[in-house]
Amino acid sequence: MIQEKVIAILNEVKPTRDLSGIEDIIEGGYLDSFELMSLISLLSEGFEVEIGVDEIVPENFNSVAAMVAMVERLKG
């Protein structure tokens, strides 16, 4: 369920590109800074978690799996 919601949020942020299978979303430059901030905001709101500054690193946003792991960790 978390994975599907993360993919839906990614599709909302970047509707022109399917990022679900990409492993270097940030490092590959698939999102600009505005899109990344939108992604962080939507993930935070959608999952009711606080994504702190220390969580905003490429490793947490480079893939759907990384985002799912971060959300699960933040939800405790």
PDB file of N, CA and C in Angstrom:
ATOM      1  N   MET A   1       0.818  -1.194   0.000  1.00  0.00           N
ATOM      2  CA  MET A   1       0.000   0.000   0.000  1.00  0.00           C
ATOM      3  C   MET A   1       0.866   1.264   0.000  1.00  0.00           C
ATOM      4  N   ILE A   2       1.905   1.281   0.832  1.00  0.00           N
ATOM      5  CA  ILE A   2       2.789   2.454   0.868  1.00  0.00           C
ATOM      6  C   ILE A   2       3.433   2.648  -0.501  1.00  0.00           C
ATOM      7  N   GLN A   3       3.883   1.547  -1.103  1.00  0.00           N
ATOM      8  CA  GLN A   3       4.548   1.645  -2.404  1.00  0.00           C
ATOM      9  C   GLN A   3       3.623   2.245  -3.462  1.00  0.00           C
ATOM     10  N   GLU A   4       2.379   1.799  -3.507  1.00  0.00           N
ATOM     11  CA  GLU A   4       1.432   2.313  -4.492  1.00  0.00           C
ATOM     12  C   GLU A   4       1.195   3.809  -4.296  1.00  0.00           C
ATOM     13  N   LYS A   5       1.101   4.227  -3.044  1.00  0.00           N
ATOM     14  CA  LYS A   5       0.871   5.641  -2.748  1.00  0.00           C
ATOM     15  C   LYS A   5       2.094   6.484  -3.122  1.00  0.00           C
ATOM     16  N   VAL A   6       3.294   5.957  -2.859  1.00  0.00           N
ATOM     17  CA  VAL A   6       4.519   6.664  -3.245  1.00  0.00           C
ATOM     18  C   VAL A   6       4.556   6.837  -4.762  1.00  0.00           C
ATOM     19  N   ILE A   7       4.216   5.789  -5.498  1.00  0.00           N
ATOM     20  CA  ILE A   7       4.204   5.856  -6.965  1.00  0.00           C
ATOM     21  C   ILE A   7       3.172   6.875  -7.439  1.00  0.00           C
ATOM     22  N   ALA A   8       2.001   6.890  -6.811  1.00  0.00           N
ATOM     23  CA  ALA A   8       0.962   7.857  -7.178  1.00  0.00           C
ATOM     24  C   ALA A   8       1.438   9.291  -6.937  1.00  0.00           C
ATOM     25  N   ILE A   9       2.121   9.515  -5.828  1.00  0.00           N
ATOM     26  CA  ILE A   9       2.654  10.847  -5.523  1.00  0.00           C
ATOM     27  C   ILE A   9       3.733  11.227  -6.534  1.00  0.00           C
ATOM     28  N   LEU A  10       4.609  10.301  -6.853  1.00  0.00           N
ATOM     29  CA  LEU A  10       5.640  10.558  -7.874  1.00  0.00           C
ATOM     30  C   LEU A  10       5.002  10.923  -9.205  1.00  0.00           C
ATOM     31  N   ASN A  11       3.943  10.215  -9.571  1.00  0.00           N
ATOM     32  CA  ASN A  11       3.245  10.498 -10.832  1.00  0.00           C
ATOM     33  C   ASN A  11       2.573  11.864 -10.809  1.00  0.00           C
ATOM     34  N   GLU A  12       2.165  12.289  -9.620  1.00  0.00           N
ATOM     35  CA  GLU A  12       1.564  13.618  -9.486  1.00  0.00           C
ATOM     36  C   GLU A  12       2.632  14.707  -9.656  1.00  0.00           C
ATOM     37  N   VAL A  13       3.813  14.464  -9.085  1.00  0.00           N
ATOM     38  CA  VAL A  13       4.904  15.439  -9.156  1.00  0.00           C
ATOM     39  C   VAL A  13       5.497  15.500 -10.565  1.00  0.00           C
ATOM     40  N   LYS A  14       5.633  14.331 -11.204  1.00  0.00           N
ATOM     41  CA  LYS A  14       6.270  14.250 -12.526  1.00  0.00           C
ATOM     42  C   LYS A  14       5.396  13.407 -13.455  1.00  0.00           C
ATOM     43  N   PRO A  15       4.246  13.966 -13.898  1.00  0.00           N
ATOM     44  CA  PRO A  15       3.305  13.164 -14.700  1.00  0.00           C
ATOM     45  C   PRO A  15       3.836  12.782 -16.079  1.00  0.00           C
ATOM     46  N   THR A  16       4.870  13.446 -16.541  1.00  0.00           N
ATOM     47  CA  THR A  16       5.385  13.181 -17.888  1.00  0.00           C
ATOM     48  C   THR A  16       6.379  12.036 -17.932  1.00  0.00           C
ATOM     49  N   ARG A  17       6.751  11.476 -16.781  1.00  0.00           N
ATOM     50  CA  ARG A  17       7.779  10.443 -16.761  1.00  0.00           C
ATOM     51  C   ARG A  17       7.454   9.397 -15.714  1.00  0.00           C
ATOM     52  N   ASP A  18       7.528   8.127 -16.079  1.00  0.00           N
ATOM     53  CA  ASP A  18       7.331   7.041 -15.118  1.00  0.00           C
ATOM     54  C   ASP A  18       8.643   6.821 -14.383  1.00  0.00           C
ATOM     55  N   LEU A  19       8.684   7.199 -13.111  1.00  0.00           N
ATOM     56  CA  LEU A  19       9.910   7.080 -12.318  1.00  0.00           C
ATOM     57  C   LEU A  19       9.921   5.845 -11.428  1.00  0.00           C
ATOM     58  N   SER A  20       8.881   5.016 -11.515  1.00  0.00           N
ATOM     59  CA  SER A  20       8.731   3.910 -10.569  1.00  0.00           C
ATOM     60  C   SER A  20       9.855   2.879 -10.640  1.00  0.00           C
ATOM     61  N   GLY A  21      10.491   2.707 -11.794  1.00  0.00           N
ATOM     62  CA  GLY A  21      11.550   1.709 -11.897  1.00  0.00           C
ATOM     63  C   GLY A  21      12.947   2.299 -11.889  1.00  0.00           C
ATOM     64  N   ILE A  22      13.063   3.577 -11.663  1.00  0.00           N
ATOM     65  CA  ILE A  22      14.365   4.249 -11.729  1.00  0.00           C
ATOM     66  C   ILE A  22      15.026   4.242 -10.362  1.00  0.00           C
ATOM     67  N   GLU A  23      16.313   3.953 -10.339  1.00  0.00           N
ATOM     68  CA  GLU A  23      17.066   3.812  -9.087  1.00  0.00           C
ATOM     69  C   GLU A  23      17.930   5.031  -8.758  1.00  0.00           C
ATOM     70  N   ASP A  24      17.945   6.043  -9.626  1.00  0.00           N
ATOM     71  CA  ASP A  24      18.759   7.239  -9.366  1.00  0.00           C
ATOM     72  C   ASP A  24      17.952   8.503  -9.667  1.00  0.00           C
ATOM     73  N   ILE A  25      16.759   8.560  -9.110  1.00  0.00           N
ATOM     74  CA  ILE A  25      15.832   9.657  -9.395  1.00  0.00           C
ATOM     75  C   ILE A  25      16.488  11.011  -9.110  1.00  0.00           C
ATOM     76  N   ILE A  26      17.153  11.140  -7.978  1.00  0.00           N
ATOM     77  CA  ILE A  26      17.782  12.413  -7.609  1.00  0.00           C
ATOM     78  C   ILE A  26      19.127  12.566  -8.309  1.00  0.00           C
ATOM     79  N   GLU A  27      19.986  11.588  -8.141  1.00  0.00           N
ATOM     80  CA  GLU A  27      21.336  11.684  -8.709  1.00  0.00           C
ATOM     81  C   GLU A  27      21.318  11.712 -10.229  1.00  0.00           C
ATOM     82  N   GLY A  28      20.278  11.152 -10.831  1.00  0.00           N
ATOM     83  CA  GLY A  28      20.154  11.166 -12.288  1.00  0.00           C
ATOM     84  C   GLY A  28      19.513  12.441 -12.819  1.00  0.00           C
ATOM     85  N   GLY A  29      19.071  13.307 -11.922  1.00  0.00           N
ATOM     86  CA  GLY A  29      18.506  14.583 -12.322  1.00  0.00           C
ATOM     87  C   GLY A  29      17.092  14.505 -12.888  1.00  0.00           C
ATOM     88  N   TYR A  30      16.345  13.481 -12.502  1.00  0.00           N
ATOM     89  CA  TYR A  30      14.986  13.324 -13.022  1.00  0.00           C
ATOM     90  C   TYR A  30      14.015  14.340 -12.428  1.00  0.00           C
ATOM     91  N   LEU A  31      14.334  14.875 -11.246  1.00  0.00           N
ATOM     92  CA  LEU A  31      13.495  15.893 -10.613  1.00  0.00           C
ATOM     93  C   LEU A  31      14.317  17.159 -10.418  1.00  0.00           C
ATOM     94  N   ASP A  32      13.692  18.307 -10.681  1.00  0.00           N
ATOM     95  CA  ASP A  32      14.374  19.559 -10.358  1.00  0.00           C
ATOM     96  C   ASP A  32      14.097  19.892  -8.889  1.00  0.00           C
ATOM     97  N   SER A  33      14.669  20.956  -8.396  1.00  0.00           N
ATOM     98  CA  SER A  33      14.551  21.272  -6.974  1.00  0.00           C
ATOM     99  C   SER A  33      13.101  21.562  -6.572  1.00  0.00           C
ATOM    100  N   PHE A  34      12.346  22.216  -7.450  1.00  0.00           N
ATOM    101  CA  PHE A  34      10.942  22.492  -7.151  1.00  0.00           C
ATOM    102  C   PHE A  34      10.150  21.183  -7.042  1.00  0.00           C
ATOM    103  N   GLU A  35      10.394  20.271  -7.991  1.00  0.00           N
ATOM    104  CA  GLU A  35       9.694  18.975  -7.964  1.00  0.00           C
ATOM    105  C   GLU A  35      10.072  18.177  -6.720  1.00  0.00           C
ATOM    106  N   LEU A  36      11.342  18.250  -6.322  1.00  0.00           N
ATOM    107  CA  LEU A  36      11.775  17.536  -5.118  1.00  0.00           C
ATOM    108  C   LEU A  36      11.066  18.090  -3.883  1.00  0.00           C
ATOM    109  N   MET A  37      10.957  19.414  -3.787  1.00  0.00           N
ATOM    110  CA  MET A  37      10.272  20.005  -2.640  1.00  0.00           C
ATOM    111  C   MET A  37       8.783  19.629  -2.644  1.00  0.00           C
ATOM    112  N   SER A  38       8.171  19.576  -3.822  1.00  0.00           N
ATOM    113  CA  SER A  38       6.777  19.137  -3.930  1.00  0.00           C
ATOM    114  C   SER A  38       6.642  17.686  -3.476  1.00  0.00           C
ATOM    115  N   LEU A  39       7.584  16.841  -3.905  1.00  0.00           N
ATOM    116  CA  LEU A  39       7.580  15.429  -3.523  1.00  0.00           C
ATOM    117  C   LEU A  39       7.670  15.286  -2.009  1.00  0.00           C
ATOM    118  N   ILE A  40       8.597  16.012  -1.400  1.00  0.00           N
ATOM    119  CA  ILE A  40       8.775  15.944   0.052  1.00  0.00           C
ATOM    120  C   ILE A  40       7.491  16.375   0.760  1.00  0.00           C
ATOM    121  N   SER A  41       6.903  17.462   0.309  1.00  0.00           N
ATOM    122  CA  SER A  41       5.671  17.971   0.906  1.00  0.00           C
ATOM    123  C   SER A  41       4.527  16.970   0.779  1.00  0.00           C
ATOM    124  N   LEU A  42       4.356  16.408  -0.423  1.00  0.00           N
ATOM    125  CA  LEU A  42       3.263  15.461  -0.649  1.00  0.00           C
ATOM    126  C   LEU A  42       3.462  14.163   0.127  1.00  0.00           C
ATOM    127  N   LEU A  43       4.700  13.690   0.223  1.00  0.00           N
ATOM    128  CA  LEU A  43       4.977  12.484   1.013  1.00  0.00           C
ATOM    129  C   LEU A  43       4.668  12.751   2.486  1.00  0.00           C
ATOM    130  N   SER A  44       5.108  13.900   2.965  1.00  0.00           N
ATOM    131  CA  SER A  44       4.896  14.269   4.361  1.00  0.00           C
ATOM    132  C   SER A  44       3.402  14.342   4.684  1.00  0.00           C
ATOM    133  N   GLU A  45       2.643  15.017   3.826  1.00  0.00           N
ATOM    134  CA  GLU A  45       1.198  15.138   4.031  1.00  0.00           C
ATOM    135  C   GLU A  45       0.485  13.807   3.832  1.00  0.00           C
ATOM    136  N   GLY A  46       0.856  13.106   2.769  1.00  0.00           N
ATOM    137  CA  GLY A  46       0.162  11.867   2.420  1.00  0.00           C
ATOM    138  C   GLY A  46       0.324  10.759   3.437  1.00  0.00           C
ATOM    139  N   PHE A  47       1.484  10.736   4.093  1.00  0.00           N
ATOM    140  CA  PHE A  47       1.743   9.669   5.062  1.00  0.00           C
ATOM    141  C   PHE A  47       1.747  10.177   6.496  1.00  0.00           C
ATOM    142  N   GLU A  48       1.464  11.484   6.663  1.00  0.00           N
ATOM    143  CA  GLU A  48       1.428  12.096   7.993  1.00  0.00           C
ATOM    144  C   GLU A  48       2.713  11.821   8.764  1.00  0.00           C
ATOM    145  N   VAL A  49       3.836  12.120   8.109  1.00  0.00           N
ATOM    146  CA  VAL A  49       5.150  11.987   8.744  1.00  0.00           C
ATOM    147  C   VAL A  49       5.890  13.316   8.609  1.00  0.00           C
ATOM    148  N   GLU A  50       6.826  13.530   9.513  1.00  0.00           N
ATOM    149  CA  GLU A  50       7.675  14.712   9.468  1.00  0.00           C
ATOM    150  C   GLU A  50       8.987  14.321   8.800  1.00  0.00           C
ATOM    151  N   ILE A  51       9.237  14.873   7.620  1.00  0.00           N
ATOM    152  CA  ILE A  51      10.488  14.599   6.914  1.00  0.00           C
ATOM    153  C   ILE A  51      11.444  15.740   7.252  1.00  0.00           C
ATOM    154  N   GLY A  52      12.329  15.467   8.195  1.00  0.00           N
ATOM    155  CA  GLY A  52      13.262  16.479   8.673  1.00  0.00           C
ATOM    156  C   GLY A  52      14.374  16.747   7.678  1.00  0.00           C
ATOM    157  N   VAL A  53      15.084  17.837   7.908  1.00  0.00           N
ATOM    158  CA  VAL A  53      16.189  18.236   7.031  1.00  0.00           C
ATOM    159  C   VAL A  53      17.221  17.121   6.909  1.00  0.00           C
ATOM    160  N   ASP A  54      17.468  16.400   7.991  1.00  0.00           N
ATOM    161  CA  ASP A  54      18.456  15.321   7.970  1.00  0.00           C
ATOM    162  C   ASP A  54      18.031  14.144   7.102  1.00  0.00           C
ATOM    163  N   GLU A  55      16.743  14.056   6.769  1.00  0.00           N
ATOM    164  CA  GLU A  55      16.239  12.977   5.898  1.00  0.00           C
ATOM    165  C   GLU A  55      16.340  13.346   4.416  1.00  0.00           C
ATOM    166  N   ILE A  56      16.557  14.625   4.125  1.00  0.00           N
ATOM    167  CA  ILE A  56      16.552  15.087   2.733  1.00  0.00           C
ATOM    168  C   ILE A  56      17.941  14.875   2.125  1.00  0.00           C
ATOM    169  N   VAL A  57      18.211  13.617   1.817  1.00  0.00           N
ATOM    170  CA  VAL A  57      19.456  13.200   1.171  1.00  0.00           C
ATOM    171  C   VAL A  57      19.087  12.329  -0.022  1.00  0.00           C
ATOM    172  N   PRO A  58      19.927  12.316  -1.052  1.00  0.00           N
ATOM    173  CA  PRO A  58      19.597  11.534  -2.257  1.00  0.00           C
ATOM    174  C   PRO A  58      19.253  10.076  -1.972  1.00  0.00           C
ATOM    175  N   GLU A  59      19.925   9.470  -1.011  1.00  0.00           N
ATOM    176  CA  GLU A  59      19.694   8.057  -0.711  1.00  0.00           C
ATOM    177  C   GLU A  59      18.238   7.772  -0.346  1.00  0.00           C
ATOM    178  N   ASN A  60      17.545   8.747   0.231  1.00  0.00           N
ATOM    179  CA  ASN A  60      16.150   8.537   0.636  1.00  0.00           C
ATOM    180  C   ASN A  60      15.151   8.782  -0.485  1.00  0.00           C
ATOM    181  N   PHE A  61      15.605   9.353  -1.604  1.00  0.00           N
ATOM    182  CA  PHE A  61      14.679   9.735  -2.680  1.00  0.00           C
ATOM    183  C   PHE A  61      15.087   9.208  -4.054  1.00  0.00           C
ATOM    184  N   ASN A  62      16.135   8.389  -4.128  1.00  0.00           N
ATOM    185  CA  ASN A  62      16.628   7.909  -5.416  1.00  0.00           C
ATOM    186  C   ASN A  62      15.753   6.848  -6.055  1.00  0.00           C
ATOM    187  N   SER A  63      14.894   6.198  -5.265  1.00  0.00           N
ATOM    188  CA  SER A  63      14.031   5.147  -5.818  1.00  0.00           C
ATOM    189  C   SER A  63      12.754   5.052  -4.991  1.00  0.00           C
ATOM    190  N   VAL A  64      11.773   4.398  -5.576  1.00  0.00           N
ATOM    191  CA  VAL A  64      10.518   4.152  -4.851  1.00  0.00           C
ATOM    192  C   VAL A  64      10.813   3.346  -3.585  1.00  0.00           C
ATOM    193  N   ALA A  65      11.664   2.329  -3.712  1.00  0.00           N
ATOM    194  CA  ALA A  65      11.986   1.486  -2.548  1.00  0.00           C
ATOM    195  C   ALA A  65      12.616   2.308  -1.429  1.00  0.00           C
ATOM    196  N   ALA A  66      13.484   3.248  -1.781  1.00  0.00           N
ATOM    197  CA  ALA A  66      14.129   4.096  -0.771  1.00  0.00           C
ATOM    198  C   ALA A  66      13.107   4.981  -0.074  1.00  0.00           C
ATOM    199  N   MET A  67      12.158   5.520  -0.850  1.00  0.00           N
ATOM    200  CA  MET A  67      11.116   6.367  -0.250  1.00  0.00           C
ATOM    201  C   MET A  67      10.200   5.561   0.649  1.00  0.00           C
ATOM    202  N   VAL A  68       9.855   4.346   0.223  1.00  0.00           N
ATOM    203  CA  VAL A  68       9.020   3.468   1.031  1.00  0.00           C
ATOM    204  C   VAL A  68       9.739   3.169   2.351  1.00  0.00           C
ATOM    205  N   ALA A  69      11.028   2.841   2.284  1.00  0.00           N
ATOM    206  CA  ALA A  69      11.807   2.536   3.489  1.00  0.00           C
ATOM    207  C   ALA A  69      11.856   3.737   4.420  1.00  0.00           C
ATOM    208  N   MET A  70      12.036   4.927   3.868  1.00  0.00           N
ATOM    209  CA  MET A  70      12.077   6.133   4.692  1.00  0.00           C
ATOM    210  C   MET A  70      10.727   6.361   5.377  1.00  0.00           C
ATOM    211  N   VAL A  71       9.631   6.244   4.617  1.00  0.00           N
ATOM    212  CA  VAL A  71       8.297   6.449   5.199  1.00  0.00           C
ATOM    213  C   VAL A  71       8.049   5.425   6.313  1.00  0.00           C
ATOM    214  N   GLU A  72       8.383   4.168   6.065  1.00  0.00           N
ATOM    215  CA  GLU A  72       8.181   3.124   7.082  1.00  0.00           C
ATOM    216  C   GLU A  72       8.983   3.450   8.328  1.00  0.00           C
ATOM    217  N   ARG A  73      10.229   3.897   8.150  1.00  0.00           N
ATOM    218  CA  ARG A  73      11.080   4.240   9.279  1.00  0.00           C
ATOM    219  C   ARG A  73      10.488   5.426  10.065  1.00  0.00           C
ATOM    220  N   LEU A  74      10.002   6.438   9.354  1.00  0.00           N
ATOM    221  CA  LEU A  74       9.463   7.624  10.007  1.00  0.00           C
ATOM    222  C   LEU A  74       8.133   7.342  10.707  1.00  0.00           C
ATOM    223  N   LYS A  75       7.370   6.403  10.169  1.00  0.00           N
ATOM    224  CA  LYS A  75       6.100   6.033  10.798  1.00  0.00           C
ATOM    225  C   LYS A  75       6.338   5.209  12.067  1.00  0.00           C
ATOM    226  N   GLY A  76       7.539   4.631  12.142  1.00  0.00           N
ATOM    227  CA  GLY A  76       7.906   3.849  13.331  1.00  0.00           C
ATOM    228  C   GLY A  76       7.221   2.518  13.355  1.00  0.00           C
TER     229      GLY A  76
END
